[in-house]
Amino acid sequence: MYQYIKGTIVEKDLQNKIIILEQAGIGYQIFTNLKTMNKLSLEAEAKVFLKSVIKEEEMKLFGFADKASKEIYEILLSVSGVGPKAAMNILEALDIDDLISAVLNDKPKLISQAQGIGTKTAQRIALELNTKLNKFNQNYNKNENTDSDSYSSEEEVMNILVNLGFDEITAHKRIKLAKESGITDECELLVRFCLQENENLVTT
């Protein structure tokens, strides 16, 4: 129904994860997550991509800071048992790259980090979305100029850390922190950073 809307962010409700975007004198209530809200500045003009969901004769708008997040959200909604709020929670817990990696590498435990996502639902997501996210990933890599080898590097690092005694969720958090700190996708550098970060946590 709607692709996106441009307007001014006039209100941010962090507790309920709602933004109010004013456009042409009308305030639109848009449900989102904290990750998206952090990208949108109060009293600033923004372009928000929208997904409209109609349930029991009530329409709600769910908003995203970029088109790729909206597309991933729609893919998540195609899974039985994953509703609008659950799909939004998944995108709050995992970046697009992390979600794709978790599905393509069959790591449902990482998906279960999201609030309200149980083990069975996470397994269903990993199973049902493998083909869809593989296809999405090919287009996403082209558009974002993402290195297609990054997933194999992360998977290799994940396996090394798990063999060293890390659980999958902790290993994933270490890898994510490494990448946020500017560490390259080179396997040896990622492992070294993750191990060093673990030592820092133990000694402090």
C-alpha atoms as a PDB file:
ATOM      1  CA  MET A   1       0.000   0.000   0.000  1.00  0.00           C
ATOM      2  CA  TYR A   2       2.741   2.466   1.001  1.00  0.00           C
ATOM      3  CA  GLN A   3       6.389   2.448  -0.053  1.00  0.00           C
ATOM      4  CA  TYR A   4       7.755   5.288   2.038  1.00  0.00           C
ATOM      5  CA  ILE A   5       6.897   8.666   3.523  1.00  0.00           C
ATOM      6  CA  LYS A   6       8.943  11.852   3.867  1.00  0.00           C
ATOM      7  CA  GLY A   7       8.353  14.247   6.714  1.00  0.00           C
ATOM      8  CA  THR A   8       9.577  15.530  10.056  1.00  0.00           C
ATOM      9  CA  ILE A   9      10.063  13.322  13.102  1.00  0.00           C
ATOM     10  CA  VAL A  10       8.137  15.212  15.778  1.00  0.00           C
ATOM     11  CA  GLU A  11       8.002  12.555  18.497  1.00  0.00           C
ATOM     12  CA  LYS A  12       9.974   9.470  19.539  1.00  0.00           C
ATOM     13  CA  ASP A  13       8.410   7.114  22.096  1.00  0.00           C
ATOM     14  CA  LEU A  14      11.316   4.885  23.115  1.00  0.00           C
ATOM     15  CA  GLN A  15       9.282   2.790  25.543  1.00  0.00           C
ATOM     16  CA  ASN A  16       6.652   1.760  23.002  1.00  0.00           C
ATOM     17  CA  LYS A  17       9.029   2.027  20.027  1.00  0.00           C
ATOM     18  CA  ILE A  18       6.823   4.448  18.122  1.00  0.00           C
ATOM     19  CA  ILE A  19       7.687   7.527  16.096  1.00  0.00           C
ATOM     20  CA  ILE A  20       5.324  10.270  14.959  1.00  0.00           C
ATOM     21  CA  LEU A  21       6.169  11.628  11.531  1.00  0.00           C
ATOM     22  CA  GLU A  22       4.405  14.799  10.403  1.00  0.00           C
ATOM     23  CA  GLN A  23       3.761  15.297   6.714  1.00  0.00           C
ATOM     24  CA  ALA A  24       1.446  17.942   5.229  1.00  0.00           C
ATOM     25  CA  GLY A  25      -0.036  18.664   8.643  1.00  0.00           C
ATOM     26  CA  ILE A  26      -0.838  15.015   9.392  1.00  0.00           C
ATOM     27  CA  GLY A  27       0.939  13.045  12.110  1.00  0.00           C
ATOM     28  CA  TYR A  28       1.562   9.412  11.194  1.00  0.00           C
ATOM     29  CA  GLN A  29       2.037   6.883  14.002  1.00  0.00           C
ATOM     30  CA  ILE A  30       4.746   4.453  12.916  1.00  0.00           C
ATOM     31  CA  PHE A  31       5.845   1.377  14.856  1.00  0.00           C
ATOM     32  CA  THR A  32       9.528   0.549  14.642  1.00  0.00           C
ATOM     33  CA  ASN A  33      12.433  -0.656  16.803  1.00  0.00           C
ATOM     34  CA  LEU A  34      15.196   1.018  18.793  1.00  0.00           C
ATOM     35  CA  LYS A  35      17.812   0.392  16.111  1.00  0.00           C
ATOM     36  CA  THR A  36      15.762   2.318  13.552  1.00  0.00           C
ATOM     37  CA  MET A  37      14.859   5.049  16.036  1.00  0.00           C
ATOM     38  CA  ASN A  38      18.543   5.683  16.688  1.00  0.00           C
ATOM     39  CA  LYS A  39      18.989   6.461  12.991  1.00  0.00           C
ATOM     40  CA  LEU A  40      16.186   9.037  12.964  1.00  0.00           C
ATOM     41  CA  SER A  41      16.777  12.430  14.577  1.00  0.00           C
ATOM     42  CA  LEU A  42      14.022  14.307  16.377  1.00  0.00           C
ATOM     43  CA  GLU A  43      12.793  17.464  14.593  1.00  0.00           C
ATOM     44  CA  ALA A  44      14.677  16.418  11.464  1.00  0.00           C
ATOM     45  CA  GLU A  45      13.319  15.529   8.046  1.00  0.00           C
ATOM     46  CA  ALA A  46      13.434  11.818   7.327  1.00  0.00           C
ATOM     47  CA  LYS A  47      12.478   9.276   4.712  1.00  0.00           C
ATOM     48  CA  VAL A  48      10.881   6.236   6.347  1.00  0.00           C
ATOM     49  CA  PHE A  49      10.104   3.070   4.402  1.00  0.00           C
ATOM     50  CA  LEU A  50       6.717   1.646   5.352  1.00  0.00           C
ATOM     51  CA  LYS A  51       5.012  -1.712   5.656  1.00  0.00           C
ATOM     52  CA  SER A  52       1.284  -1.554   6.334  1.00  0.00           C
ATOM     53  CA  VAL A  53      -0.251  -4.430   8.281  1.00  0.00           C
ATOM     54  CA  ILE A  54      -4.020  -4.831   8.530  1.00  0.00           C
ATOM     55  CA  LYS A  55      -5.345  -6.963  11.369  1.00  0.00           C
ATOM     56  CA  GLU A  56      -8.877  -7.120  12.707  1.00  0.00           C
ATOM     57  CA  GLU A  57      -9.905  -4.074  10.652  1.00  0.00           C
ATOM     58  CA  GLU A  58      -7.053  -2.019  12.142  1.00  0.00           C
ATOM     59  CA  MET A  59      -4.141  -0.824  10.036  1.00  0.00           C
ATOM     60  CA  LYS A  60      -0.711  -0.250  11.560  1.00  0.00           C
ATOM     61  CA  LEU A  61       2.330   1.245   9.884  1.00  0.00           C
ATOM     62  CA  PHE A  62       5.767  -0.258  10.542  1.00  0.00           C
ATOM     63  CA  GLY A  63       8.747   1.862   9.567  1.00  0.00           C
ATOM     64  CA  PHE A  64      12.368   1.347   8.544  1.00  0.00           C
ATOM     65  CA  ALA A  65      15.298   3.640   7.864  1.00  0.00           C
ATOM     66  CA  ASP A  66      16.245   1.837   4.624  1.00  0.00           C
ATOM     67  CA  LYS A  67      14.600  -0.198   1.883  1.00  0.00           C
ATOM     68  CA  ALA A  68      16.608  -3.373   2.566  1.00  0.00           C
ATOM     69  CA  SER A  69      15.318  -3.582   6.147  1.00  0.00           C
ATOM     70  CA  LYS A  70      11.748  -3.271   4.911  1.00  0.00           C
ATOM     71  CA  GLU A  71      12.296  -6.067   2.380  1.00  0.00           C
ATOM     72  CA  ILE A  72      13.831  -8.353   5.019  1.00  0.00           C
ATOM     73  CA  TYR A  73      10.888  -7.564   7.318  1.00  0.00           C
ATOM     74  CA  GLU A  74       8.420  -8.643   4.634  1.00  0.00           C
ATOM     75  CA  ILE A  75      10.372 -11.866   4.112  1.00  0.00           C
ATOM     76  CA  LEU A  76      10.267 -12.597   7.855  1.00  0.00           C
ATOM     77  CA  LEU A  77       6.485 -12.101   7.876  1.00  0.00           C
ATOM     78  CA  SER A  78       6.163 -14.924   5.345  1.00  0.00           C
ATOM     79  CA  VAL A  79       7.191 -17.427   8.041  1.00  0.00           C
ATOM     80  CA  SER A  80       4.322 -19.065   9.906  1.00  0.00           C
ATOM     81  CA  GLY A  81       4.213 -17.885  13.504  1.00  0.00           C
ATOM     82  CA  VAL A  82       6.245 -14.711  12.914  1.00  0.00           C
ATOM     83  CA  GLY A  83       4.040 -11.660  13.396  1.00  0.00           C
ATOM     84  CA  PRO A  84       4.744  -7.946  12.864  1.00  0.00           C
ATOM     85  CA  LYS A  85       6.153  -7.384  16.366  1.00  0.00           C
ATOM     86  CA  ALA A  86       8.306 -10.522  16.357  1.00  0.00           C
ATOM     87  CA  ALA A  87       9.774  -9.673  12.955  1.00  0.00           C
ATOM     88  CA  MET A  88      10.608  -6.189  14.211  1.00  0.00           C
ATOM     89  CA  ASN A  89      12.307  -7.653  17.290  1.00  0.00           C
ATOM     90  CA  ILE A  90      14.465  -9.862  15.069  1.00  0.00           C
ATOM     91  CA  LEU A  91      15.678  -6.837  13.113  1.00  0.00           C
ATOM     92  CA  GLU A  92      16.443  -5.080  16.378  1.00  0.00           C
ATOM     93  CA  ALA A  93      18.530  -8.005  17.659  1.00  0.00           C
ATOM     94  CA  LEU A  94      20.339  -8.753  14.390  1.00  0.00           C
ATOM     95  CA  ASP A  95      21.758  -6.632  11.603  1.00  0.00           C
ATOM     96  CA  ILE A  96      20.778  -7.638   8.079  1.00  0.00           C
ATOM     97  CA  ASP A  97      24.185  -9.236   7.503  1.00  0.00           C
ATOM     98  CA  ASP A  98      23.954 -11.165  10.773  1.00  0.00           C
ATOM     99  CA  LEU A  99      20.446 -12.437  10.031  1.00  0.00           C
ATOM    100  CA  ILE A 100      21.407 -13.589   6.548  1.00  0.00           C
ATOM    101  CA  SER A 101      24.517 -15.288   7.911  1.00  0.00           C
ATOM    102  CA  ALA A 102      22.528 -17.030  10.665  1.00  0.00           C
ATOM    103  CA  VAL A 103      20.007 -18.398   8.162  1.00  0.00           C
ATOM    104  CA  LEU A 104      22.434 -19.402   5.411  1.00  0.00           C
ATOM    105  CA  ASN A 105      24.780 -21.059   7.912  1.00  0.00           C
ATOM    106  CA  ASP A 106      21.907 -22.729   9.817  1.00  0.00           C
ATOM    107  CA  LYS A 107      22.484 -20.987  13.165  1.00  0.00           C
ATOM    108  CA  PRO A 108      18.943 -20.682  14.600  1.00  0.00           C
ATOM    109  CA  LYS A 109      20.331 -20.112  18.096  1.00  0.00           C
ATOM    110  CA  LEU A 110      21.500 -16.675  16.987  1.00  0.00           C
ATOM    111  CA  ILE A 111      17.998 -15.811  15.780  1.00  0.00           C
ATOM    112  CA  SER A 112      16.533 -16.881  19.127  1.00  0.00           C
ATOM    113  CA  GLN A 113      18.362 -13.928  20.732  1.00  0.00           C
ATOM    114  CA  ALA A 114      15.467 -11.757  19.599  1.00  0.00           C
ATOM    115  CA  GLN A 115      12.775 -11.029  22.169  1.00  0.00           C
ATOM    116  CA  GLY A 116       9.789 -13.353  21.811  1.00  0.00           C
ATOM    117  CA  ILE A 117      11.525 -15.759  19.421  1.00  0.00           C
ATOM    118  CA  GLY A 118      11.686 -19.312  20.770  1.00  0.00           C
ATOM    119  CA  THR A 119      13.907 -22.141  19.601  1.00  0.00           C
ATOM    120  CA  LYS A 120      11.268 -23.756  17.366  1.00  0.00           C
ATOM    121  CA  THR A 121      10.392 -20.473  15.664  1.00  0.00           C
ATOM    122  CA  ALA A 122      14.072 -19.716  15.107  1.00  0.00           C
ATOM    123  CA  GLN A 123      14.562 -23.160  13.561  1.00  0.00           C
ATOM    124  CA  ARG A 124      11.547 -22.594  11.303  1.00  0.00           C
ATOM    125  CA  ILE A 125      12.970 -19.249  10.158  1.00  0.00           C
ATOM    126  CA  ALA A 126      16.353 -20.801   9.353  1.00  0.00           C
ATOM    127  CA  LEU A 127      14.692 -23.624   7.430  1.00  0.00           C
ATOM    128  CA  GLU A 128      12.015 -21.728   5.508  1.00  0.00           C
ATOM    129  CA  LEU A 129      14.028 -18.648   4.588  1.00  0.00           C
ATOM    130  CA  ASN A 130      17.229 -20.250   3.329  1.00  0.00           C
ATOM    131  CA  THR A 131      16.274 -19.996  -0.351  1.00  0.00           C
ATOM    132  CA  LYS A 132      14.610 -16.572  -0.057  1.00  0.00           C
ATOM    133  CA  LEU A 133      17.497 -14.974   1.849  1.00  0.00           C
ATOM    134  CA  ASN A 134      20.069 -16.555  -0.440  1.00  0.00           C
ATOM    135  CA  LYS A 135      18.353 -14.854  -3.375  1.00  0.00           C
ATOM    136  CA  PHE A 136      17.945 -11.601  -1.423  1.00  0.00           C
ATOM    137  CA  ASN A 137      21.619 -11.725  -0.425  1.00  0.00           C
ATOM    138  CA  GLN A 138      22.780 -11.873  -4.045  1.00  0.00           C
ATOM    139  CA  ASN A 139      20.936  -8.640  -4.862  1.00  0.00           C
ATOM    140  CA  TYR A 140      21.891  -7.059  -1.541  1.00  0.00           C
ATOM    141  CA  ASN A 141      25.588  -7.709  -2.165  1.00  0.00           C
ATOM    142  CA  LYS A 142      25.340  -6.074  -5.590  1.00  0.00           C
ATOM    143  CA  ASN A 143      23.569  -2.991  -4.264  1.00  0.00           C
ATOM    144  CA  GLU A 144      25.702  -2.565  -1.162  1.00  0.00           C
ATOM    145  CA  ASN A 145      29.015  -3.702  -2.679  1.00  0.00           C
ATOM    146  CA  THR A 146      29.324  -6.193   0.166  1.00  0.00           C
ATOM    147  CA  ASP A 147      32.190  -8.688   0.067  1.00  0.00           C
ATOM    148  CA  SER A 148      30.554 -12.050  -0.533  1.00  0.00           C
ATOM    149  CA  ASP A 149      33.458 -13.790   1.202  1.00  0.00           C
ATOM    150  CA  SER A 150      32.625 -12.136   4.547  1.00  0.00           C
ATOM    151  CA  TYR A 151      30.088 -14.807   5.478  1.00  0.00           C
ATOM    152  CA  SER A 152      32.558 -17.648   4.976  1.00  0.00           C
ATOM    153  CA  SER A 153      35.113 -15.741   7.076  1.00  0.00           C
ATOM    154  CA  GLU A 154      32.616 -15.202   9.880  1.00  0.00           C
ATOM    155  CA  GLU A 155      31.556 -18.831   9.767  1.00  0.00           C
ATOM    156  CA  GLU A 156      35.202 -19.947  10.020  1.00  0.00           C
ATOM    157  CA  VAL A 157      35.801 -17.633  12.979  1.00  0.00           C
ATOM    158  CA  MET A 158      32.570 -18.826  14.598  1.00  0.00           C
ATOM    159  CA  ASN A 159      33.673 -22.453  14.333  1.00  0.00           C
ATOM    160  CA  ILE A 160      37.096 -21.656  15.794  1.00  0.00           C
ATOM    161  CA  LEU A 161      35.609 -19.799  18.771  1.00  0.00           C
ATOM    162  CA  VAL A 162      33.052 -22.547  19.440  1.00  0.00           C
ATOM    163  CA  ASN A 163      35.851 -25.129  19.388  1.00  0.00           C
ATOM    164  CA  LEU A 164      37.687 -22.972  21.930  1.00  0.00           C
ATOM    165  CA  GLY A 165      34.715 -23.153  24.288  1.00  0.00           C
ATOM    166  CA  PHE A 166      32.581 -20.136  23.334  1.00  0.00           C
ATOM    167  CA  ASP A 167      28.851 -20.649  22.916  1.00  0.00           C
ATOM    168  CA  GLU A 168      27.405 -19.481  19.584  1.00  0.00           C
ATOM    169  CA  ILE A 169      25.695 -16.363  20.939  1.00  0.00           C
ATOM    170  CA  THR A 170      28.838 -15.138  22.732  1.00  0.00           C
ATOM    171  CA  ALA A 171      30.953 -15.878  19.660  1.00  0.00           C
ATOM    172  CA  HIS A 172      28.519 -13.931  17.491  1.00  0.00           C
ATOM    173  CA  LYS A 173      28.670 -10.937  19.843  1.00  0.00           C
ATOM    174  CA  ARG A 174      32.494 -10.999  19.802  1.00  0.00           C
ATOM    175  CA  ILE A 175      32.560 -11.083  15.990  1.00  0.00           C
ATOM    176  CA  LYS A 176      30.035  -8.261  15.771  1.00  0.00           C
ATOM    177  CA  LEU A 177      32.078  -6.143  18.204  1.00  0.00           C
ATOM    178  CA  ALA A 178      35.221  -6.823  16.169  1.00  0.00           C
ATOM    179  CA  LYS A 179      33.587  -5.644  12.953  1.00  0.00           C
ATOM    180  CA  GLU A 180      32.143  -2.563  14.681  1.00  0.00           C
ATOM    181  CA  SER A 181      35.686  -1.784  15.876  1.00  0.00           C
ATOM    182  CA  GLY A 182      36.930  -1.747  12.287  1.00  0.00           C
ATOM    183  CA  ILE A 183      38.561  -5.169  12.242  1.00  0.00           C
ATOM    184  CA  THR A 184      38.662  -6.618   8.721  1.00  0.00           C
ATOM    185  CA  ASP A 185      37.085  -9.884   7.633  1.00  0.00           C
ATOM    186  CA  GLU A 186      40.478 -11.584   7.736  1.00  0.00           C
ATOM    187  CA  CYS A 187      40.020 -14.701   9.849  1.00  0.00           C
ATOM    188  CA  GLU A 188      43.202 -14.458  11.941  1.00  0.00           C
ATOM    189  CA  LEU A 189      42.574 -10.817  12.905  1.00  0.00           C
ATOM    190  CA  LEU A 190      38.967 -11.527  13.879  1.00  0.00           C
ATOM    191  CA  VAL A 191      39.927 -14.487  16.077  1.00  0.00           C
ATOM    192  CA  ARG A 192      42.748 -12.546  17.732  1.00  0.00           C
ATOM    193  CA  PHE A 193      40.429  -9.629  18.544  1.00  0.00           C
ATOM    194  CA  CYS A 194      37.704 -11.913  19.922  1.00  0.00           C
ATOM    195  CA  LEU A 195      40.126 -13.734  22.192  1.00  0.00           C
ATOM    196  CA  GLN A 196      41.696 -10.488  23.379  1.00  0.00           C
ATOM    197  CA  GLU A 197      38.251  -9.016  24.126  1.00  0.00           C
ATOM    198  CA  ASN A 198      37.393 -12.115  26.161  1.00  0.00           C
ATOM    199  CA  GLU A 199      40.607 -11.717  28.220  1.00  0.00           C
ATOM    200  CA  ASN A 200      39.728  -8.068  28.882  1.00  0.00           C
ATOM    201  CA  LEU A 201      36.300  -9.052  30.180  1.00  0.00           C
ATOM    202  CA  VAL A 202      37.758 -11.720  32.455  1.00  0.00           C
ATOM    203  CA  THR A 203      40.403  -9.456  33.999  1.00  0.00           C
ATOM    204  CA  THR A 204      38.180  -6.416  34.531  1.00  0.00           C
END
